[in-house]
């Protein structure tokens, strides 16, 4: 599938020498959901702000639908919808008028059926004549999305879209994002919630210190970098791992009642059979055995820690 957003060697430096973006290159395909993960100060918001024309890059290039964000700004920006992290809405304006206004800012003609459709899909139609100040935090975020969609963008940026909302509302927002994708909208979201990326993203990008560490298909990332843990539960606790088991590089649980063995799912041999034989030979009695797949959070923390080391 063709890329709708192409970022090439993008750099952003500020006075004093601080470099927020260090040669970021990224292609995003039309119709996909990309989750961009990174710690605070990693460059996520700077990247979004630069692509959306809020911040001017120091060097590099960005094209949206083939339009350069610098030399063909109006055409590029018309393809982009942005939902910022901060809720910055006119409190006394009616919901429907706020959304209409955003469409007008892009010079789009009045289209009441479209506005109605957007508000209904975001469960805002019943609140269309309510003042923004009367809405809950979750509903205000929906208004931000409605405003971003009013001019019919092909690319939607969501900067921490579920920050500060409860779990139920967060899952509702995930459903909204999936529906937008079903309508052909390309979505790039930044998030601190690892489960958000696991739940809705097609690909996951990890950014740290102004650099993209990797961008991979979510399932492929889990398969390639994910480790599994075998937990050998013992019938009686022990105080230390027997010396005869040292070659297996085992960890002892805090309670001393389980041995934890980490192995690579891609390896030709996992070593589990040899481990269990050696555990029996060491005179330890098994009570149970369980496995756990490492999560995207484990992978993310490992990548960022490796970058800092």
Protein backbone atom coordinates (compact mmCIF):
# COMPACT_ATOMS: atom_id res chain seq x y z
CA UNK A 1 0.00 0.00 0.00
CA UNK A 2 1.28 3.49 -0.86
CA UNK A 3 2.55 5.80 1.88
CA UNK A 4 0.32 8.80 2.56
CA UNK A 5 2.87 10.38 4.91
CA UNK A 6 6.60 10.40 4.19
CA UNK A 7 9.06 11.85 6.70
CA UNK A 8 12.71 12.03 5.59
CA UNK A 9 15.68 12.88 7.84
CA UNK A 10 13.60 15.34 9.86
CA UNK A 11 15.55 17.43 12.36
CA UNK A 12 14.52 20.13 14.81
CA UNK A 13 17.02 22.13 16.86
CA UNK A 14 16.41 25.02 19.22
CA UNK A 15 18.54 27.90 20.38
CA UNK A 16 21.09 26.67 22.83
CA UNK A 17 21.77 23.55 20.79
CA UNK A 18 19.01 21.26 22.04
CA UNK A 19 18.07 18.82 19.26
CA UNK A 20 14.49 17.59 19.71
CA UNK A 21 14.42 15.52 16.50
CA UNK A 22 17.54 13.78 15.22
CA UNK A 23 17.03 12.64 11.66
CA UNK A 24 13.61 11.01 11.92
CA UNK A 25 12.56 9.04 8.83
CA UNK A 26 9.21 7.31 8.63
CA UNK A 27 6.69 6.15 6.01
CA UNK A 28 3.07 5.70 7.09
CA UNK A 29 0.71 3.77 4.82
CA UNK A 30 -2.76 4.96 3.94
CA UNK A 31 -5.44 3.46 6.17
CA UNK A 32 -3.19 2.15 8.94
CA UNK A 33 -3.05 2.89 12.66
CA UNK A 34 0.44 3.66 13.92
CA UNK A 35 1.02 3.94 17.67
CA UNK A 36 4.04 6.04 18.61
CA UNK A 37 5.42 5.13 22.01
CA UNK A 38 8.06 7.04 23.91
CA UNK A 39 8.88 8.49 27.33
CA UNK A 40 8.30 12.13 28.19
CA UNK A 41 10.66 14.35 26.22
CA UNK A 42 11.23 11.69 23.55
CA UNK A 43 10.11 13.98 20.71
CA UNK A 44 6.58 12.68 20.07
CA UNK A 45 4.77 16.01 20.30
CA UNK A 46 7.57 17.84 18.47
CA UNK A 47 7.25 15.37 15.61
CA UNK A 48 3.48 15.84 15.39
CA UNK A 49 3.78 19.63 15.67
CA UNK A 50 6.32 19.70 12.85
CA UNK A 51 4.26 17.53 10.51
CA UNK A 52 1.17 19.65 11.24
CA UNK A 53 2.97 22.92 10.53
CA UNK A 54 2.92 24.24 14.09
CA UNK A 55 6.71 23.95 14.36
CA UNK A 56 9.16 24.69 11.53
CA UNK A 57 11.75 21.96 10.95
CA UNK A 58 15.46 22.77 10.97
CA UNK A 59 16.05 20.39 8.06
CA UNK A 60 14.59 17.36 6.34
CA UNK A 61 11.29 16.98 4.53
CA UNK A 62 7.71 15.91 5.13
CA UNK A 63 5.15 15.09 2.45
CA UNK A 64 1.46 14.45 3.07
CA UNK A 65 -0.37 12.95 0.13
CA UNK A 66 2.56 14.08 -2.03
CA UNK A 67 2.37 17.70 -0.81
CA UNK A 68 5.39 19.26 0.95
CA UNK A 69 4.48 20.82 4.29
CA UNK A 70 6.73 23.83 3.52
CA UNK A 71 6.32 24.57 -0.18
CA UNK A 72 2.71 23.37 -0.48
CA UNK A 73 1.51 24.03 3.03
CA UNK A 74 -2.20 24.63 2.39
CA UNK A 75 -2.69 21.43 0.41
CA UNK A 76 -0.71 19.39 2.94
CA UNK A 77 -2.46 20.84 5.98
CA UNK A 78 -5.89 20.32 4.43
CA UNK A 79 -5.24 16.57 4.52
CA UNK A 80 -4.41 16.58 8.25
CA UNK A 81 -6.62 16.52 11.32
CA UNK A 82 -5.05 17.13 14.72
CA UNK A 83 -6.46 16.25 18.12
CA UNK A 84 -4.13 17.87 20.68
CA UNK A 85 -3.47 16.51 24.14
CA UNK A 86 -4.72 19.65 25.84
CA UNK A 87 -8.46 20.34 25.88
CA UNK A 88 -8.67 23.89 24.54
CA UNK A 89 -12.29 24.60 23.63
CA UNK A 90 -14.52 27.67 23.86
CA UNK A 91 -16.53 26.81 27.00
CA UNK A 92 -19.68 28.79 26.14
CA UNK A 93 -19.96 27.65 22.51
CA UNK A 94 -22.45 25.00 21.46
CA UNK A 95 -20.93 21.70 20.40
CA UNK A 96 -22.35 21.78 16.88
CA UNK A 97 -21.23 25.36 16.26
CA UNK A 98 -17.72 24.55 17.44
CA UNK A 99 -17.51 21.72 14.90
CA UNK A 100 -19.02 23.86 12.12
CA UNK A 101 -16.43 26.56 12.82
CA UNK A 102 -13.53 24.12 12.41
CA UNK A 103 -14.85 23.09 8.99
CA UNK A 104 -15.14 26.73 7.96
CA UNK A 105 -11.52 27.44 8.95
CA UNK A 106 -10.43 25.22 6.07
CA UNK A 107 -12.67 27.02 3.60
CA UNK A 108 -15.01 24.06 3.29
CA UNK A 109 -18.64 24.75 2.31
CA UNK A 110 -21.38 24.15 4.83
CA UNK A 111 -22.32 20.46 5.04
CA UNK A 112 -24.91 19.74 7.71
CA UNK A 113 -25.38 16.04 6.85
CA UNK A 114 -21.64 15.47 7.31
CA UNK A 115 -21.55 17.32 10.64
CA UNK A 116 -24.55 15.31 11.82
CA UNK A 117 -22.88 12.05 10.77
CA UNK A 118 -19.65 12.91 12.61
CA UNK A 119 -21.50 13.89 15.80
CA UNK A 120 -23.60 10.74 15.72
CA UNK A 121 -20.58 8.47 15.22
CA UNK A 122 -18.92 10.12 18.21
CA UNK A 123 -22.11 9.87 20.34
CA UNK A 124 -22.34 13.66 20.47
CA UNK A 125 -25.57 14.23 18.54
CA UNK A 126 -27.70 14.37 21.69
CA UNK A 127 -25.28 16.97 23.07
CA UNK A 128 -25.12 19.07 19.90
CA UNK A 129 -26.86 22.09 21.45
CA UNK A 130 -25.11 21.83 24.81
CA UNK A 131 -22.41 24.30 25.76
CA UNK A 132 -18.94 22.77 25.87
CA UNK A 133 -18.57 23.63 29.56
CA UNK A 134 -21.47 21.29 30.35
CA UNK A 135 -19.65 18.23 29.00
CA UNK A 136 -17.52 15.68 30.82
CA UNK A 137 -13.82 15.38 30.08
CA UNK A 138 -14.38 12.33 27.88
CA UNK A 139 -17.08 14.11 25.86
CA UNK A 140 -14.83 17.14 25.40
CA UNK A 141 -12.21 14.86 23.88
CA UNK A 142 -14.85 13.58 21.48
CA UNK A 143 -15.57 17.18 20.49
CA UNK A 144 -11.88 17.65 19.74
CA UNK A 145 -12.01 14.62 17.43
CA UNK A 146 -15.19 15.91 15.78
CA UNK A 147 -13.53 19.27 15.12
CA UNK A 148 -10.47 17.52 13.66
CA UNK A 149 -12.68 15.45 11.33
CA UNK A 150 -14.94 18.31 10.21
CA UNK A 151 -12.83 19.19 7.14
CA UNK A 152 -12.60 15.52 6.07
CA UNK A 153 -8.87 14.89 6.59
CA UNK A 154 -7.18 11.76 5.30
CA UNK A 155 -4.61 11.69 8.13
CA UNK A 156 -5.58 12.09 11.79
CA UNK A 157 -3.08 12.76 14.58
CA UNK A 158 -4.19 11.87 18.11
CA UNK A 159 -1.83 13.17 20.80
CA UNK A 160 -2.53 11.18 23.98
CA UNK A 161 -6.24 10.80 23.05
CA UNK A 162 -7.27 8.94 26.20
CA UNK A 163 -5.15 10.80 28.76
CA UNK A 164 -7.12 11.43 31.92
CA UNK A 165 -10.21 9.42 30.99
CA UNK A 166 -11.46 6.32 32.78
CA UNK A 167 -11.06 2.78 31.46
CA UNK A 168 -14.61 2.54 30.09
CA UNK A 169 -14.31 5.77 28.13
CA UNK A 170 -10.87 4.71 26.91
CA UNK A 171 -12.32 1.56 25.38
CA UNK A 172 -15.11 3.61 23.80
CA UNK A 173 -12.45 5.80 22.21
CA UNK A 174 -10.71 2.70 20.86
CA UNK A 175 -13.95 1.75 19.14
CA UNK A 176 -14.14 5.23 17.62
CA UNK A 177 -10.57 4.93 16.29
CA UNK A 178 -11.30 1.52 14.76
CA UNK A 179 -14.37 2.93 13.02
CA UNK A 180 -12.37 5.86 11.65
CA UNK A 181 -9.87 3.40 10.22
CA UNK A 182 -12.75 1.49 8.68
CA UNK A 183 -13.71 4.70 6.89
CA UNK A 184 -10.22 4.95 5.38
CA UNK A 185 -8.66 7.47 7.76
CA UNK A 186 -4.96 7.02 8.51
CA UNK A 187 -4.33 7.42 12.23
CA UNK A 188 -1.14 8.22 14.12
CA UNK A 189 -1.51 8.26 17.88
CA UNK A 190 0.91 8.91 20.69
CA UNK A 191 0.19 7.17 23.94
CA UNK A 192 1.60 6.27 27.32
CA UNK A 193 -0.79 3.35 27.60
CA UNK A 194 0.93 0.24 26.29
CA UNK A 195 -2.38 -1.62 26.21
CA UNK A 196 -3.71 1.05 23.86
CA UNK A 197 -1.05 0.22 21.27
CA UNK A 198 -1.63 -3.50 21.73
CA UNK A 199 -5.39 -3.09 21.37
CA UNK A 200 -5.73 -0.96 18.24
CA UNK A 201 -2.44 -0.38 16.40
CA UNK A 202 -1.35 -2.08 13.18
CA UNK A 203 2.24 -0.98 13.65
CA UNK A 204 4.17 0.29 16.64
CA UNK A 205 6.92 2.90 16.56
CA UNK A 206 9.25 3.55 19.48
CA UNK A 207 10.87 6.98 19.79
CA UNK A 208 13.44 8.05 22.37
CA UNK A 209 15.80 11.01 22.54
CA UNK A 210 14.51 12.40 19.24
CA UNK A 211 15.21 9.20 17.29
CA UNK A 212 13.02 6.42 15.97
CA UNK A 213 14.36 3.21 17.50
CA UNK A 214 12.12 0.96 15.44
CA UNK A 215 8.83 0.73 13.57
CA UNK A 216 7.37 -2.74 13.16
CA UNK A 217 4.13 -4.59 12.65
CA UNK A 218 2.74 -5.13 16.13
CA UNK A 219 2.42 -8.89 15.83
CA UNK A 220 5.81 -9.17 14.18
CA UNK A 221 7.35 -7.12 16.96
CA UNK A 222 5.92 -9.41 19.57
CA UNK A 223 7.11 -12.49 17.69
CA UNK A 224 10.63 -11.17 17.05
CA UNK A 225 11.41 -9.46 20.31
CA UNK A 226 9.00 -11.14 22.70
CA UNK A 227 10.36 -13.60 25.21
CA UNK A 228 8.46 -16.22 27.12
CA UNK A 229 8.88 -17.06 30.76
CA UNK A 230 8.44 -20.54 32.17
CA UNK A 231 7.51 -20.48 35.83
CA UNK A 232 8.32 -23.71 37.66
CA UNK A 233 6.24 -23.70 40.85
CA UNK A 234 7.78 -25.74 43.65
CA UNK A 235 5.96 -27.77 46.29
CA UNK A 236 8.18 -26.22 48.97
CA UNK A 237 10.07 -22.90 48.96
CA UNK A 238 13.86 -22.73 48.72
CA UNK A 239 16.29 -20.00 49.77
CA UNK A 240 18.54 -20.08 46.71
CA UNK A 241 18.83 -21.64 43.25
CA UNK A 242 20.84 -24.91 43.48
CA UNK A 243 24.32 -24.67 41.99
CA UNK A 244 23.50 -27.57 39.66
CA UNK A 245 20.96 -25.34 37.90
CA UNK A 246 23.30 -22.36 37.40
CA UNK A 247 23.68 -22.95 33.64
CA UNK A 248 19.96 -22.27 33.11
CA UNK A 249 20.25 -18.67 34.40
CA UNK A 250 17.17 -18.98 36.58
CA UNK A 251 15.58 -16.33 38.78
CA UNK A 252 14.02 -17.22 42.11
CA UNK A 253 10.64 -15.72 42.97
CA UNK A 254 10.46 -13.41 45.99
CA UNK A 255 8.64 -16.05 48.02
CA UNK A 256 11.17 -18.70 46.99
CA UNK A 257 8.46 -21.02 45.74
CA UNK A 258 9.08 -20.71 41.99
CA UNK A 259 11.94 -20.79 39.50
CA UNK A 260 11.59 -18.41 36.53
CA UNK A 261 13.20 -19.36 33.23
CA UNK A 262 13.26 -16.93 30.29
CA UNK A 263 13.64 -18.37 26.81
CA UNK A 264 13.52 -17.31 23.18
CA UNK A 265 10.47 -18.57 21.31
CA UNK A 266 12.43 -18.40 18.02
CA UNK A 267 15.27 -20.62 19.16
CA UNK A 268 15.68 -24.12 17.71
CA UNK A 269 15.79 -25.47 21.26
CA UNK A 270 14.09 -23.81 24.22
CA UNK A 271 16.02 -25.80 26.81
CA UNK A 272 12.85 -26.56 28.75
CA UNK A 273 13.22 -30.34 28.63
CA UNK A 274 16.78 -30.20 29.97
CA UNK A 275 15.72 -27.71 32.64
CA UNK A 276 12.90 -29.89 33.96
CA UNK A 277 15.16 -32.93 34.02
CA UNK A 278 17.81 -30.98 35.97
CA UNK A 279 15.20 -29.64 38.39
CA UNK A 280 14.12 -33.20 39.17
CA UNK A 281 17.76 -34.30 39.51
CA UNK A 282 18.31 -31.47 42.02
CA UNK A 283 15.68 -33.07 44.22
CA UNK A 284 13.08 -30.32 43.76
CA UNK A 285 9.43 -31.34 43.55
CA UNK A 286 7.23 -29.52 41.00
CA UNK A 287 3.79 -28.35 42.04
CA UNK A 288 2.87 -26.69 38.74
CA UNK A 289 4.28 -25.15 35.55
CA UNK A 290 3.02 -22.01 33.77
CA UNK A 291 4.20 -19.71 30.99
CA UNK A 292 3.88 -15.97 30.38
CA UNK A 293 4.44 -14.09 27.13
CA UNK A 294 6.34 -10.84 27.54
CA UNK A 295 4.14 -7.84 26.85
CA UNK A 296 4.71 -4.88 24.57
CA UNK A 297 5.53 -2.94 27.73
CA UNK A 298 8.45 -5.27 28.49
CA UNK A 299 9.76 -4.78 24.96
CA UNK A 300 9.30 -1.00 25.11
CA UNK A 301 11.09 -0.65 28.43
CA UNK A 302 13.92 -2.83 27.19
CA UNK A 303 14.38 -0.78 24.02
CA UNK A 304 14.37 2.57 25.81
CA UNK A 305 16.70 1.29 28.54
CA UNK A 306 19.09 0.04 25.86
CA UNK A 307 19.08 3.44 24.19
CA UNK A 308 19.97 5.16 27.47
CA UNK A 309 22.72 2.72 28.43
